[in-house]
């Protein structure tokens, strides 16, 4: 047994998209322009489902788009709008100290 333990690290993907991912993104853009109504309304369900599918496959273009879309949809609370209610108060009944994986006897 050696003193040094090797730790396997996952291979990190490059942030740039492959040609196949570029093709998938181009077909997504074509679908989105086909399905859009042009009034700037909400995204159709089929387009959002396709975006989620591309993101689940790890398409870096789709991941960046989804992140920027969520940033663009953020709207801060207006001055006359009421703040969110505070969280419900809870009473802590028991605190267990120690290793959570170890069974106590």
N, C-alpha and C. Protein backbone atom coordinates (compact mmCIF):
# COMPACT_ATOMS: atom_id res chain seq x y z
N UNK A 1 0.86 -1.17 0.00
CA UNK A 1 0.00 0.00 0.00
C UNK A 1 0.90 1.23 0.00
N UNK A 2 0.62 2.12 -0.93
CA UNK A 2 1.46 3.31 -1.03
C UNK A 2 0.94 4.43 -0.14
N UNK A 3 1.80 5.37 0.14
CA UNK A 3 1.41 6.50 0.96
C UNK A 3 0.61 7.53 0.17
N UNK A 4 0.79 7.54 -1.13
CA UNK A 4 0.09 8.50 -1.97
C UNK A 4 -1.12 7.81 -2.61
N UNK A 5 -2.27 8.39 -2.40
CA UNK A 5 -3.49 7.85 -2.99
C UNK A 5 -3.84 8.70 -4.20
N UNK A 6 -3.98 8.04 -5.33
CA UNK A 6 -4.32 8.76 -6.55
C UNK A 6 -5.83 9.03 -6.56
N UNK A 7 -6.16 10.25 -6.92
CA UNK A 7 -7.56 10.64 -6.99
C UNK A 7 -7.90 10.87 -8.46
N UNK A 8 -8.92 10.19 -8.94
CA UNK A 8 -9.33 10.37 -10.32
C UNK A 8 -10.16 11.64 -10.44
N UNK A 9 -9.79 12.48 -11.39
CA UNK A 9 -10.53 13.70 -11.65
C UNK A 9 -11.30 13.55 -12.95
N UNK A 10 -12.51 14.08 -13.01
CA UNK A 10 -13.25 13.98 -14.26
C UNK A 10 -12.62 14.87 -15.32
N UNK A 11 -12.73 14.44 -16.57
CA UNK A 11 -12.22 15.26 -17.66
C UNK A 11 -13.14 16.45 -17.86
N UNK A 12 -12.54 17.62 -17.87
CA UNK A 12 -13.34 18.82 -18.05
C UNK A 12 -13.54 19.07 -19.54
N UNK A 13 -14.76 19.44 -19.91
CA UNK A 13 -15.06 19.74 -21.30
C UNK A 13 -14.57 21.14 -21.63
N UNK A 14 -14.17 21.30 -22.86
CA UNK A 14 -13.79 22.62 -23.33
C UNK A 14 -15.03 23.49 -23.41
N UNK A 15 -14.91 24.79 -23.16
CA UNK A 15 -16.10 25.64 -23.20
C UNK A 15 -16.62 25.90 -24.62
N UNK A 16 -15.84 25.55 -25.63
CA UNK A 16 -16.32 25.79 -26.99
C UNK A 16 -17.12 24.58 -27.48
N UNK A 17 -18.08 24.86 -28.34
CA UNK A 17 -18.97 23.82 -28.83
C UNK A 17 -18.35 23.09 -30.01
N UNK A 18 -18.72 21.83 -30.14
CA UNK A 18 -18.27 21.02 -31.27
C UNK A 18 -19.15 21.35 -32.48
N UNK A 19 -18.73 20.94 -33.68
CA UNK A 19 -19.56 21.20 -34.86
C UNK A 19 -20.96 20.57 -34.77
N UNK A 20 -21.05 19.41 -34.13
CA UNK A 20 -22.36 18.76 -33.96
C UNK A 20 -23.25 19.59 -33.04
N UNK A 21 -22.66 20.17 -31.99
CA UNK A 21 -23.43 21.03 -31.09
C UNK A 21 -23.86 22.31 -31.78
N UNK A 22 -23.01 22.83 -32.68
CA UNK A 22 -23.39 24.01 -33.46
C UNK A 22 -24.59 23.68 -34.36
N UNK A 23 -24.59 22.49 -34.96
CA UNK A 23 -25.73 22.07 -35.80
C UNK A 23 -27.00 21.96 -34.96
N UNK A 24 -26.90 21.38 -33.78
CA UNK A 24 -28.06 21.24 -32.89
C UNK A 24 -28.59 22.62 -32.51
N UNK A 25 -27.69 23.56 -32.25
CA UNK A 25 -28.11 24.91 -31.88
C UNK A 25 -28.78 25.60 -33.07
N UNK A 26 -28.25 25.40 -34.28
CA UNK A 26 -28.86 26.01 -35.47
C UNK A 26 -30.27 25.47 -35.69
N UNK A 27 -30.47 24.17 -35.47
CA UNK A 27 -31.81 23.60 -35.62
C UNK A 27 -32.74 24.12 -34.52
N UNK A 28 -32.21 24.37 -33.32
CA UNK A 28 -33.01 24.94 -32.24
C UNK A 28 -33.45 26.36 -32.60
N UNK A 29 -32.53 27.15 -33.15
CA UNK A 29 -32.87 28.53 -33.53
C UNK A 29 -33.93 28.52 -34.63
N UNK A 30 -33.80 27.59 -35.59
CA UNK A 30 -34.80 27.48 -36.65
C UNK A 30 -36.17 27.12 -36.06
N UNK A 31 -36.20 26.20 -35.10
CA UNK A 31 -37.45 25.82 -34.45
C UNK A 31 -38.04 27.00 -33.68
N UNK A 32 -37.19 27.73 -33.00
CA UNK A 32 -37.67 28.86 -32.20
C UNK A 32 -38.26 29.95 -33.09
N UNK A 33 -37.62 30.24 -34.22
CA UNK A 33 -38.16 31.26 -35.12
C UNK A 33 -39.45 30.79 -35.78
N UNK A 34 -39.55 29.49 -36.05
CA UNK A 34 -40.78 28.93 -36.62
C UNK A 34 -41.94 29.04 -35.64
N UNK A 35 -41.69 28.74 -34.37
CA UNK A 35 -42.74 28.69 -33.37
C UNK A 35 -43.08 30.04 -32.75
N UNK A 36 -42.21 31.04 -32.93
CA UNK A 36 -42.45 32.32 -32.27
C UNK A 36 -43.60 33.05 -32.93
N UNK A 37 -44.37 33.76 -32.10
CA UNK A 37 -45.52 34.50 -32.62
C UNK A 37 -45.13 35.92 -32.99
N UNK A 38 -43.96 36.38 -32.56
CA UNK A 38 -43.49 37.71 -32.92
C UNK A 38 -43.94 38.81 -31.97
N UNK A 39 -44.77 38.49 -30.99
CA UNK A 39 -45.24 39.53 -30.07
C UNK A 39 -44.38 39.66 -28.82
N UNK A 40 -43.33 38.87 -28.73
CA UNK A 40 -42.44 38.95 -27.57
C UNK A 40 -43.03 38.31 -26.34
N UNK A 41 -43.99 37.42 -26.51
CA UNK A 41 -44.64 36.75 -25.39
C UNK A 41 -43.77 35.64 -24.82
N UNK A 42 -44.37 34.79 -24.00
CA UNK A 42 -43.60 33.70 -23.41
C UNK A 42 -43.16 32.68 -24.46
N UNK A 43 -42.13 31.95 -24.12
CA UNK A 43 -41.58 30.94 -25.02
C UNK A 43 -42.55 29.75 -25.12
N UNK A 44 -42.82 29.28 -26.35
CA UNK A 44 -43.71 28.11 -26.49
C UNK A 44 -43.14 26.89 -25.77
N UNK A 45 -44.02 25.99 -25.37
CA UNK A 45 -43.62 24.82 -24.58
C UNK A 45 -42.65 23.93 -25.34
N UNK A 46 -42.86 23.75 -26.64
CA UNK A 46 -41.99 22.87 -27.42
C UNK A 46 -40.57 23.45 -27.50
N UNK A 47 -40.47 24.77 -27.58
CA UNK A 47 -39.15 25.41 -27.66
C UNK A 47 -38.43 25.30 -26.32
N UNK A 48 -39.15 25.52 -25.22
CA UNK A 48 -38.50 25.40 -23.91
C UNK A 48 -38.11 23.95 -23.62
N UNK A 49 -38.91 22.99 -24.09
CA UNK A 49 -38.56 21.58 -23.90
C UNK A 49 -37.30 21.23 -24.70
N UNK A 50 -37.19 21.77 -25.91
CA UNK A 50 -36.00 21.52 -26.72
C UNK A 50 -34.77 22.17 -26.09
N UNK A 51 -34.94 23.36 -25.52
CA UNK A 51 -33.82 24.02 -24.83
C UNK A 51 -33.36 23.19 -23.64
N UNK A 52 -34.30 22.66 -22.87
CA UNK A 52 -33.94 21.81 -21.72
C UNK A 52 -33.24 20.54 -22.18
N UNK A 53 -33.68 19.98 -23.32
CA UNK A 53 -33.03 18.78 -23.84
C UNK A 53 -31.59 19.07 -24.23
N UNK A 54 -31.37 20.20 -24.89
CA UNK A 54 -30.00 20.57 -25.27
C UNK A 54 -29.13 20.82 -24.04
N UNK A 55 -29.71 21.46 -23.03
CA UNK A 55 -28.96 21.72 -21.79
C UNK A 55 -28.64 20.42 -21.06
N UNK A 56 -29.56 19.48 -21.07
CA UNK A 56 -29.30 18.21 -20.37
C UNK A 56 -28.21 17.41 -21.08
N UNK A 57 -28.04 17.62 -22.37
CA UNK A 57 -26.97 16.96 -23.11
C UNK A 57 -25.64 17.69 -22.98
N UNK A 58 -25.64 18.86 -22.35
CA UNK A 58 -24.39 19.59 -22.09
C UNK A 58 -23.96 20.50 -23.22
N UNK A 59 -24.90 20.94 -24.06
CA UNK A 59 -24.55 21.87 -25.13
C UNK A 59 -24.16 23.21 -24.51
N UNK A 60 -22.88 23.65 -24.68
CA UNK A 60 -22.44 24.88 -24.01
C UNK A 60 -23.15 26.13 -24.50
N UNK A 61 -23.57 26.15 -25.76
CA UNK A 61 -24.29 27.32 -26.27
C UNK A 61 -25.65 27.41 -25.60
N UNK A 62 -26.34 26.29 -25.48
CA UNK A 62 -27.66 26.27 -24.84
C UNK A 62 -27.55 26.60 -23.36
N UNK A 63 -26.50 26.10 -22.71
CA UNK A 63 -26.32 26.40 -21.28
C UNK A 63 -26.10 27.89 -21.05
N UNK A 64 -25.27 28.52 -21.90
CA UNK A 64 -25.05 29.97 -21.77
C UNK A 64 -26.33 30.73 -22.06
N UNK A 65 -27.10 30.28 -23.07
CA UNK A 65 -28.35 30.96 -23.41
C UNK A 65 -29.34 30.87 -22.26
N UNK A 66 -29.47 29.68 -21.66
CA UNK A 66 -30.42 29.52 -20.54
C UNK A 66 -30.02 30.39 -19.35
N UNK A 67 -28.71 30.48 -19.09
CA UNK A 67 -28.24 31.32 -17.98
C UNK A 67 -28.54 32.79 -18.26
N UNK A 68 -28.28 33.25 -19.47
CA UNK A 68 -28.55 34.64 -19.82
C UNK A 68 -30.04 34.93 -19.86
N UNK A 69 -30.84 33.95 -20.24
CA UNK A 69 -32.28 34.10 -20.25
C UNK A 69 -32.82 34.27 -18.84
N UNK A 70 -32.29 33.50 -17.90
CA UNK A 70 -32.74 33.64 -16.51
C UNK A 70 -32.31 34.98 -15.92
N UNK A 71 -31.14 35.48 -16.33
CA UNK A 71 -30.70 36.79 -15.87
C UNK A 71 -31.60 37.88 -16.43
N UNK A 72 -31.99 37.75 -17.69
CA UNK A 72 -32.82 38.75 -18.34
C UNK A 72 -34.24 38.76 -17.78
N UNK A 73 -34.72 37.63 -17.27
CA UNK A 73 -36.09 37.55 -16.76
C UNK A 73 -36.21 38.06 -15.32
N UNK A 74 -35.08 38.35 -14.67
CA UNK A 74 -35.14 38.81 -13.28
C UNK A 74 -35.72 40.21 -13.24
N UNK A 75 -36.67 40.43 -12.37
CA UNK A 75 -37.24 41.75 -12.16
C UNK A 75 -37.24 42.04 -10.67
N UNK A 76 -36.56 43.11 -10.26
CA UNK A 76 -36.56 43.42 -8.84
C UNK A 76 -37.95 43.87 -8.37
N UNK A 77 -38.16 43.80 -7.09
CA UNK A 77 -39.44 44.18 -6.50
C UNK A 77 -39.66 45.67 -6.68
N UNK A 78 -40.87 46.06 -7.05
CA UNK A 78 -41.20 47.47 -7.21
C UNK A 78 -41.38 48.12 -5.85
N UNK A 79 -41.32 49.43 -5.80
CA UNK A 79 -41.38 50.15 -4.53
C UNK A 79 -42.73 49.94 -3.85
N UNK A 80 -43.82 49.96 -4.61
CA UNK A 80 -45.14 49.82 -4.00
C UNK A 80 -45.55 48.37 -3.77
N UNK A 81 -44.72 47.43 -4.19
CA UNK A 81 -45.01 46.01 -4.02
C UNK A 81 -44.62 45.56 -2.61
N UNK A 82 -45.45 44.71 -2.03
CA UNK A 82 -45.18 44.22 -0.67
C UNK A 82 -44.04 43.19 -0.71
N UNK A 83 -43.18 43.19 0.30
CA UNK A 83 -42.09 42.20 0.33
C UNK A 83 -42.65 40.80 0.59
N UNK A 84 -41.84 39.81 0.30
CA UNK A 84 -42.23 38.43 0.54
C UNK A 84 -42.38 38.20 2.04
N UNK A 85 -43.31 37.34 2.45
CA UNK A 85 -43.48 37.10 3.88
C UNK A 85 -42.25 36.40 4.46
N UNK A 86 -41.96 36.66 5.74
CA UNK A 86 -40.79 36.01 6.35
C UNK A 86 -41.03 34.50 6.45
N UNK A 87 -39.96 33.73 6.53
CA UNK A 87 -40.14 32.28 6.65
C UNK A 87 -40.82 31.91 7.96
N UNK A 88 -41.48 30.77 7.95
CA UNK A 88 -42.21 30.30 9.13
C UNK A 88 -41.20 29.96 10.22
N UNK A 89 -41.48 30.40 11.44
CA UNK A 89 -40.59 30.12 12.56
C UNK A 89 -40.73 28.66 12.96
N UNK A 90 -39.59 28.03 13.19
CA UNK A 90 -39.59 26.63 13.60
C UNK A 90 -38.79 26.49 14.88
N UNK A 91 -39.25 25.63 15.72
CA UNK A 91 -38.55 25.38 16.97
C UNK A 91 -37.69 24.13 16.81
N UNK A 92 -36.43 24.23 17.19
CA UNK A 92 -35.54 23.09 17.12
C UNK A 92 -35.78 22.24 18.35
N UNK A 93 -36.18 20.99 18.12
CA UNK A 93 -36.53 20.16 19.26
C UNK A 93 -35.34 19.34 19.77
N UNK A 94 -34.44 18.94 18.86
CA UNK A 94 -33.32 18.13 19.31
C UNK A 94 -32.15 18.35 18.36
N UNK A 95 -30.96 18.43 18.91
CA UNK A 95 -29.76 18.57 18.11
C UNK A 95 -28.90 17.34 18.36
N UNK A 96 -28.49 16.68 17.29
CA UNK A 96 -27.61 15.53 17.42
C UNK A 96 -26.22 15.95 16.98
N UNK A 97 -25.24 15.70 17.83
CA UNK A 97 -23.86 16.02 17.51
C UNK A 97 -23.14 14.74 17.13
N UNK A 98 -22.17 14.86 16.29
CA UNK A 98 -21.36 13.69 15.96
C UNK A 98 -21.36 13.42 14.47
N UNK A 99 -20.89 12.25 14.14
CA UNK A 99 -20.77 11.84 12.74
C UNK A 99 -22.14 11.35 12.26
N UNK A 100 -22.71 11.98 11.23
CA UNK A 100 -24.05 11.56 10.79
C UNK A 100 -24.05 10.19 10.12
N UNK A 101 -22.91 9.75 9.56
CA UNK A 101 -22.87 8.45 8.92
C UNK A 101 -22.70 7.29 9.90
N UNK A 102 -22.23 7.57 11.09
CA UNK A 102 -21.98 6.53 12.07
C UNK A 102 -23.24 6.27 12.88
N UNK A 103 -23.60 5.00 13.03
CA UNK A 103 -24.77 4.66 13.81
C UNK A 103 -24.43 4.73 15.29
N UNK A 104 -25.33 5.38 16.05
CA UNK A 104 -25.09 5.47 17.48
C UNK A 104 -25.63 4.22 18.18
N UNK A 105 -24.98 3.82 19.24
CA UNK A 105 -25.41 2.61 19.97
C UNK A 105 -25.89 2.97 21.34
